[in-house]
Amino acid sequence: MQIVGLRAAAVFSKICTMNAIITVVGRDKVGIIARVSAFLAKHSINIADITQTILSGNFVMMMMVSLDGADISIDELRKEMAEQSREMQVEINIMNEKVFTAMHRV
C-alpha cells in the first residue's frame, strides 16, 4: 500500500508542476539579471529557461521558472518582486505558465 501511495504522489507531482513566466523590462543597467536571479535563488525558485536582449537601450528579459521547490507562493512572489521592480526601476510581471500559454494560443 505504501508503494502505491508513493507512486501516486510521484505522478501527482509531475502533473501538478507549477511554472511561471517572468518578464523584466526597463532601462538597461548593470545588475538586473544578477538581482532577479539572486532573489529567485533565495526562494528556491529554479530558472528553467531564460532569454534577454537590449532593444534601443531597453533591457528585455523573459524567464521560465519552476515554483515546485519554492518557499513562497506565486502571489507572494508577485508582491515581493513588485518591491524589487520599484527598487530597480524596471517593470517585472509574473504569470502562471498555463495562463500565459492560454492567452497566446492562436
Protein backbone atom coordinates (compact mmCIF):
# COMPACT_ATOMS: atom_id res chain seq x y z
CA MET A 1 0.00 0.00 0.00
CA GLN A 2 2.85 2.38 0.81
CA ILE A 3 4.47 1.88 -2.63
CA VAL A 4 1.20 2.64 -4.41
CA GLY A 5 0.89 5.85 -2.37
CA LEU A 6 4.43 6.88 -3.28
CA ARG A 7 3.81 6.20 -6.97
CA ALA A 8 0.60 8.20 -6.87
CA ALA A 9 2.43 11.07 -5.18
CA ALA A 10 5.17 10.97 -7.85
CA VAL A 11 2.61 11.02 -10.66
CA PHE A 12 0.67 13.82 -8.95
CA SER A 13 3.81 15.93 -8.52
CA LYS A 14 4.62 15.60 -12.23
CA ILE A 15 1.09 16.58 -13.19
CA CYS A 16 0.95 19.50 -10.74
CA THR A 17 4.16 21.26 -11.63
CA MET A 18 3.91 24.99 -11.23
CA ASN A 19 5.79 27.06 -13.79
CA ALA A 20 5.65 30.79 -14.25
CA ILE A 21 6.76 33.27 -16.87
CA ILE A 22 8.63 36.31 -15.56
CA THR A 23 9.24 39.32 -17.79
CA VAL A 24 11.54 42.19 -16.92
CA VAL A 25 11.59 45.38 -18.99
CA GLY A 26 13.32 48.67 -18.31
CA ARG A 27 16.29 50.90 -18.97
CA ASP A 28 19.43 48.81 -19.28
CA LYS A 29 21.75 48.98 -16.27
CA VAL A 30 24.28 46.78 -14.53
CA GLY A 31 22.96 44.04 -12.25
CA ILE A 32 19.39 43.40 -13.39
CA ILE A 33 19.94 39.71 -14.18
CA ALA A 34 22.05 39.28 -11.03
CA ARG A 35 19.43 40.80 -8.72
CA VAL A 36 16.49 38.92 -10.20
CA SER A 37 18.41 35.63 -10.24
CA ALA A 38 19.64 36.08 -6.67
CA PHE A 39 16.11 36.82 -5.48
CA LEU A 40 14.77 33.69 -7.17
CA ALA A 41 17.59 31.55 -5.77
CA LYS A 42 16.90 32.90 -2.27
CA HIS A 43 13.39 31.45 -2.55
CA SER A 44 14.45 28.13 -4.16
CA ILE A 45 12.91 29.05 -7.50
CA ASN A 46 14.66 27.32 -10.38
CA ILE A 47 15.25 29.14 -13.68
CA ALA A 48 14.32 26.61 -16.37
CA ASP A 49 14.93 28.91 -19.35
CA ILE A 50 15.99 32.49 -19.88
CA THR A 51 16.41 34.91 -22.76
CA GLN A 52 17.38 38.55 -22.71
CA THR A 53 18.25 41.28 -25.14
CA ILE A 54 18.79 45.01 -25.34
CA LEU A 55 16.40 46.90 -27.63
CA SER A 56 17.25 50.57 -28.21
CA GLY A 57 18.78 50.84 -24.74
CA ASN A 58 15.94 48.94 -23.08
CA PHE A 59 16.63 45.71 -21.22
CA VAL A 60 14.13 42.95 -22.04
CA MET A 61 14.23 39.55 -20.30
CA MET A 62 11.86 36.59 -20.23
CA MET A 63 12.31 33.68 -17.84
CA MET A 64 10.52 30.37 -17.39
CA VAL A 65 10.79 29.40 -13.74
CA SER A 66 9.71 26.39 -11.71
CA LEU A 67 7.97 27.09 -8.43
CA ASP A 68 7.88 23.40 -7.44
CA GLY A 69 10.53 23.80 -4.71
CA ALA A 70 9.77 27.43 -3.87
CA ASP A 71 9.29 28.58 -0.29
CA ILE A 72 6.74 31.21 -1.37
CA SER A 73 3.53 31.17 -3.41
CA ILE A 74 3.16 32.84 -6.80
CA ASP A 75 1.10 35.61 -5.14
CA GLU A 76 3.85 36.24 -2.56
CA LEU A 77 6.39 36.18 -5.39
CA ARG A 78 4.43 38.86 -7.25
CA LYS A 79 4.27 41.03 -4.13
CA GLU A 80 7.98 40.73 -3.34
CA MET A 81 9.02 41.18 -6.97
CA ALA A 82 6.90 44.36 -7.15
CA GLU A 83 9.15 45.81 -4.43
CA GLN A 84 12.25 44.66 -6.35
CA SER A 85 10.91 46.26 -9.54
CA ARG A 86 10.42 49.61 -7.78
CA GLU A 87 13.95 49.48 -6.35
CA MET A 88 15.48 48.57 -9.74
CA GLN A 89 13.19 50.93 -11.68
CA VAL A 90 12.10 48.21 -14.11
CA GLU A 91 8.76 46.56 -14.80
CA ILE A 92 8.50 42.95 -13.63
CA ASN A 93 5.48 40.79 -14.48
CA ILE A 94 4.81 37.25 -13.31
CA MET A 95 2.21 35.00 -14.86
CA ASN A 96 1.32 31.36 -14.36
CA GLU A 97 2.62 29.49 -17.42
CA LYS A 98 -0.80 27.93 -18.08
CA VAL A 99 -2.45 31.36 -18.17
CA PHE A 100 0.35 32.73 -20.39
CA THR A 101 0.02 29.80 -22.81
CA ALA A 102 -3.78 30.13 -22.97
CA MET A 103 -3.51 33.87 -23.67
CA HIS A 104 -1.03 33.35 -26.51
CA ARG A 105 -2.67 30.38 -28.19
CA VAL A 106 -3.56 31.14 -31.80
